[in-house]
Amino acid sequence: MIKAIEVAINGVKNNEGGPFGYIVVKDGEIIGKRNCSKSF
């Protein structure tokens, strides 16, 4: 959860959209991460 928050904050700081971030975890390893690039 903390990593998703970090991704979201970085997206906002870089003016890449709203404050939403997500990560994909498989077998305890992060295999993907992204922030929402759409502003609402």
N, C-alpha and C. Protein backbone atom coordinates (compact mmCIF):
# COMPACT_ATOMS: atom_id res chain seq x y z
N MET A 1 0.82 -1.19 0.00
CA MET A 1 0.00 0.00 0.00
C MET A 1 0.86 1.26 0.00
N ILE A 2 1.92 1.25 0.76
CA ILE A 2 2.81 2.42 0.81
C ILE A 2 3.41 2.69 -0.56
N LYS A 3 3.79 1.66 -1.27
CA LYS A 3 4.37 1.83 -2.59
C LYS A 3 3.35 2.45 -3.55
N ALA A 4 2.10 2.02 -3.47
CA ALA A 4 1.05 2.60 -4.32
C ALA A 4 0.86 4.08 -4.02
N ILE A 5 0.93 4.44 -2.76
CA ILE A 5 0.82 5.85 -2.37
C ILE A 5 2.00 6.64 -2.93
N GLU A 6 3.20 6.09 -2.86
CA GLU A 6 4.38 6.76 -3.41
C GLU A 6 4.23 6.98 -4.92
N VAL A 7 3.73 5.97 -5.62
CA VAL A 7 3.51 6.09 -7.06
C VAL A 7 2.50 7.20 -7.36
N ALA A 8 1.42 7.25 -6.57
CA ALA A 8 0.40 8.28 -6.76
C ALA A 8 0.97 9.68 -6.51
N ILE A 9 1.72 9.83 -5.45
CA ILE A 9 2.32 11.14 -5.12
C ILE A 9 3.28 11.58 -6.22
N ASN A 10 4.09 10.67 -6.71
CA ASN A 10 5.02 11.01 -7.79
C ASN A 10 4.27 11.44 -9.05
N GLY A 11 3.14 10.79 -9.32
CA GLY A 11 2.34 11.18 -10.48
C GLY A 11 1.80 12.59 -10.36
N VAL A 12 1.33 12.94 -9.17
CA VAL A 12 0.83 14.30 -8.94
C VAL A 12 1.97 15.31 -9.05
N LYS A 13 3.10 15.00 -8.45
CA LYS A 13 4.26 15.92 -8.51
C LYS A 13 4.72 16.15 -9.94
N ASN A 14 4.57 15.13 -10.79
CA ASN A 14 5.00 15.24 -12.18
C ASN A 14 3.87 15.70 -13.10
N ASN A 15 2.76 16.14 -12.48
CA ASN A 15 1.61 16.65 -13.22
C ASN A 15 1.10 15.64 -14.26
N GLU A 16 0.98 14.39 -13.83
CA GLU A 16 0.57 13.30 -14.72
C GLU A 16 -0.87 12.85 -14.48
N GLY A 17 -1.65 13.60 -13.74
CA GLY A 17 -3.04 13.23 -13.53
C GLY A 17 -3.43 13.25 -12.07
N GLY A 18 -4.51 12.54 -11.77
CA GLY A 18 -5.05 12.53 -10.42
C GLY A 18 -4.22 11.74 -9.43
N PRO A 19 -4.59 11.80 -8.16
CA PRO A 19 -3.81 11.17 -7.10
C PRO A 19 -4.15 9.69 -6.91
N PHE A 20 -3.93 8.91 -7.96
CA PHE A 20 -4.23 7.49 -7.90
C PHE A 20 -3.02 6.69 -8.37
N GLY A 21 -2.66 5.69 -7.61
CA GLY A 21 -1.55 4.83 -8.01
C GLY A 21 -1.89 3.39 -7.73
N TYR A 22 -1.27 2.50 -8.46
CA TYR A 22 -1.49 1.08 -8.19
C TYR A 22 -0.23 0.28 -8.43
N ILE A 23 -0.18 -0.85 -7.80
CA ILE A 23 0.90 -1.80 -8.02
C ILE A 23 0.28 -3.18 -8.25
N VAL A 24 1.01 -4.01 -8.96
CA VAL A 24 0.58 -5.39 -9.17
C VAL A 24 1.64 -6.27 -8.52
N VAL A 25 1.18 -7.15 -7.64
CA VAL A 25 2.08 -8.01 -6.89
C VAL A 25 1.78 -9.46 -7.22
N LYS A 26 2.83 -10.22 -7.47
CA LYS A 26 2.69 -11.66 -7.71
C LYS A 26 3.73 -12.38 -6.87
N ASP A 27 3.29 -13.31 -6.07
CA ASP A 27 4.18 -14.07 -5.20
C ASP A 27 5.07 -13.17 -4.35
N GLY A 28 4.48 -12.07 -3.85
CA GLY A 28 5.21 -11.16 -2.97
C GLY A 28 6.18 -10.22 -3.67
N GLU A 29 6.19 -10.22 -5.00
CA GLU A 29 7.11 -9.37 -5.76
C GLU A 29 6.31 -8.38 -6.60
N ILE A 30 6.72 -7.12 -6.60
CA ILE A 30 6.06 -6.11 -7.43
C ILE A 30 6.45 -6.37 -8.88
N ILE A 31 5.42 -6.61 -9.70
CA ILE A 31 5.69 -6.87 -11.12
C ILE A 31 5.19 -5.74 -12.01
N GLY A 32 4.49 -4.77 -11.43
CA GLY A 32 4.03 -3.63 -12.20
C GLY A 32 3.59 -2.50 -11.29
N LYS A 33 3.75 -1.28 -11.77
CA LYS A 33 3.29 -0.13 -11.02
C LYS A 33 2.98 0.99 -12.00
N ARG A 34 1.99 1.81 -11.65
CA ARG A 34 1.56 2.87 -12.54
C ARG A 34 0.72 3.87 -11.76
N ASN A 35 0.70 5.09 -12.23
CA ASN A 35 -0.20 6.09 -11.68
C ASN A 35 -1.27 6.39 -12.72
N CYS A 36 -2.36 6.94 -12.26
CA CYS A 36 -3.45 7.32 -13.17
C CYS A 36 -3.00 8.55 -13.95
N SER A 37 -3.10 8.48 -15.26
CA SER A 37 -2.65 9.60 -16.06
C SER A 37 -3.80 10.47 -16.56
N LYS A 38 -4.98 10.28 -16.00
CA LYS A 38 -6.14 11.06 -16.39
C LYS A 38 -6.55 11.99 -15.26
N SER A 39 -6.77 13.24 -15.60
CA SER A 39 -7.26 14.21 -14.61
C SER A 39 -8.78 14.21 -14.62
N PHE A 40 -9.37 14.37 -13.45
CA PHE A 40 -10.82 14.41 -13.33
C PHE A 40 -11.29 15.77 -12.96
